[in-house]
Protein backbone atom coordinates (compact mmCIF):
# COMPACT_ATOMS: atom_id res chain seq x y z
CA MET A 1 -34.62 72.77 25.19
CA ASN A 2 -32.89 71.95 28.48
CA ILE A 3 -34.49 68.45 28.46
CA LEU A 4 -33.22 67.81 24.93
CA ASN A 5 -29.70 68.79 25.97
CA ASN A 6 -29.90 66.50 29.03
CA LYS A 7 -31.01 63.54 26.86
CA THR A 8 -28.31 64.23 24.31
CA PHE A 9 -25.70 64.46 27.04
CA LEU A 10 -26.98 61.23 28.62
CA TYR A 11 -26.88 59.36 25.30
CA GLY A 12 -23.41 60.66 24.54
CA ALA A 13 -22.07 59.78 27.97
CA THR A 14 -23.54 56.27 27.74
CA ALA A 15 -22.06 55.72 24.28
CA ALA A 16 -18.66 56.99 25.42
CA ALA A 17 -18.74 54.71 28.48
CA LEU A 18 -19.62 51.69 26.34
CA VAL A 19 -16.82 52.47 23.89
CA ALA A 20 -14.38 52.88 26.78
CA ILE A 21 -15.41 49.53 28.30
CA VAL A 22 -15.12 47.71 24.97
CA LEU A 23 -11.69 49.23 24.28
CA TYR A 24 -10.48 48.40 27.78
CA PHE A 25 -11.43 44.73 27.46
CA TYR A 26 -10.10 44.52 23.91
CA PHE A 27 -6.67 45.90 24.73
CA SER A 28 -6.34 44.22 28.13
CA SER A 29 -7.19 40.78 26.71
CA ASN A 30 -4.57 41.07 23.95
CA SER A 31 -1.74 41.89 26.35
CA SER A 32 -2.44 38.99 28.70
CA GLN A 33 -3.32 36.43 26.05
CA GLN A 34 -1.25 33.29 26.34
CA THR A 35 -0.93 30.42 23.96
CA LEU A 36 -2.34 27.09 24.99
CA THR A 37 0.17 24.43 25.84
CA ALA A 38 -0.35 20.76 26.50
CA VAL A 39 0.31 19.78 30.07
CA GLN A 40 1.26 16.18 30.60
CA THR A 41 0.25 14.60 33.86
CA PRO A 42 2.06 11.64 35.29
CA THR A 43 0.51 8.41 34.07
CA GLY A 44 -0.21 7.11 37.55
CA THR A 45 -2.31 10.08 38.67
CA ALA A 46 -4.57 10.27 35.60
CA GLY A 47 -6.65 7.24 36.59
CA GLN A 48 -6.05 7.43 40.32
CA SER A 49 -9.48 8.84 41.13
CA LEU A 50 -11.11 6.08 39.07
CA ILE A 51 -9.18 3.42 40.94
CA VAL A 52 -10.16 4.95 44.28
CA ALA A 53 -13.84 5.02 43.26
CA LEU A 54 -13.67 1.41 42.08
CA SER A 55 -12.11 0.26 45.33
CA ASN A 56 -14.81 2.09 47.28
CA LEU A 57 -17.49 0.31 45.25
CA GLN A 58 -15.88 -3.08 45.80
CA ALA A 59 -15.89 -2.46 49.55
CA VAL A 60 -19.71 -2.11 49.58
CA LYS A 61 -21.45 -5.21 50.94
CA LEU A 62 -25.11 -5.82 50.09
CA ASP A 63 -27.28 -7.49 52.72
CA THR A 64 -29.49 -9.96 50.84
CA LYS A 65 -31.75 -10.50 53.86
CA VAL A 66 -33.67 -7.42 52.73
CA PHE A 67 -35.10 -9.35 49.78
CA SER A 68 -36.54 -12.10 51.97
CA ASP A 69 -38.09 -9.67 54.46
CA PRO A 70 -41.93 -9.93 54.66
CA VAL A 71 -42.29 -6.17 54.21
CA PHE A 72 -40.30 -6.30 50.97
CA LEU A 73 -42.27 -9.33 49.79
CA SER A 74 -45.57 -7.54 50.49
CA LEU A 75 -44.75 -4.77 48.01
CA THR A 76 -46.89 -4.86 44.88
CA ASP A 77 -45.91 -3.88 41.39
CA PHE A 78 -48.27 -1.29 39.90
CA GLY A 79 -46.49 -1.31 36.55
CA VAL A 80 -48.48 -1.41 33.36
CA THR A 81 -47.72 -4.06 30.79
CA ILE A 82 -47.30 -2.63 27.33
CA ALA A 83 -49.02 -4.53 24.56
CA PRO A 84 -46.81 -5.54 21.64
CA GLN A 85 -47.01 -3.15 18.72
CA PRO A 86 -46.61 -3.97 15.05
CA VAL A 87 -43.12 -3.41 13.73
CA GLY A 88 -42.72 -0.78 11.04
CA ARG A 89 -40.40 -0.68 8.07
CA THR A 90 -36.74 -1.48 8.58
CA ASN A 91 -35.75 1.82 6.95
CA PRO A 92 -38.51 4.43 7.31
CA PHE A 93 -36.66 6.82 5.00
CA ASP A 94 -36.42 4.36 2.14
CA THR A 95 -38.50 5.03 -0.98
CA LEU A 96 -41.98 3.57 -1.04
CA THR A 97 -42.49 0.79 -3.53
CA GLY A 98 -45.80 0.42 -5.31
CA VAL A 99 -46.84 4.03 -4.74
CA GLY A 100 -48.75 5.24 -7.75
CA SER A 101 -52.25 5.91 -8.96
CA SER A 102 -53.55 2.45 -8.06
CA ALA A 103 -51.78 2.01 -4.71
CA SER A 104 -53.93 1.58 -1.63
CA VAL A 105 -53.03 3.15 1.67
CA VAL A 106 -53.91 1.56 5.00
CA LEU A 107 -54.50 4.18 7.68
CA PRO A 108 -54.58 3.55 11.43
CA GLY A 109 -57.97 2.25 12.52
CA SER A 110 -58.34 -0.12 9.53
CA ILE A 111 -59.66 2.57 7.19
CA LYS A 112 -58.70 1.85 3.61
CA THR A 113 -58.63 4.50 0.94
CA SER A 114 -57.56 4.46 -2.68
CA GLN A 115 -55.55 7.12 -4.34
């Protein structure tokens, strides 16, 4: 019976602590809640960081001698060329025309079936 009382006490204390925490945050957030106001920044400072970044990019000089270097020219492209694929319908969600009991369906792999 002592174990049952300990569990009951533990559950009650946990529930009371949770209720106290929830009430604390509920009442403390209401008292310090402020309305949102629009803050206007001076027009010159809004895009200042963009102008600084742009000027830093314009100051970069690219050495084109790298592209004529023999080491660069000896690099090989291991890319795979992708074969052209047939183009599908312009609107794949449009209704199918000619679909009925006598319509034929062409499946991938050139297998033709009739419905």
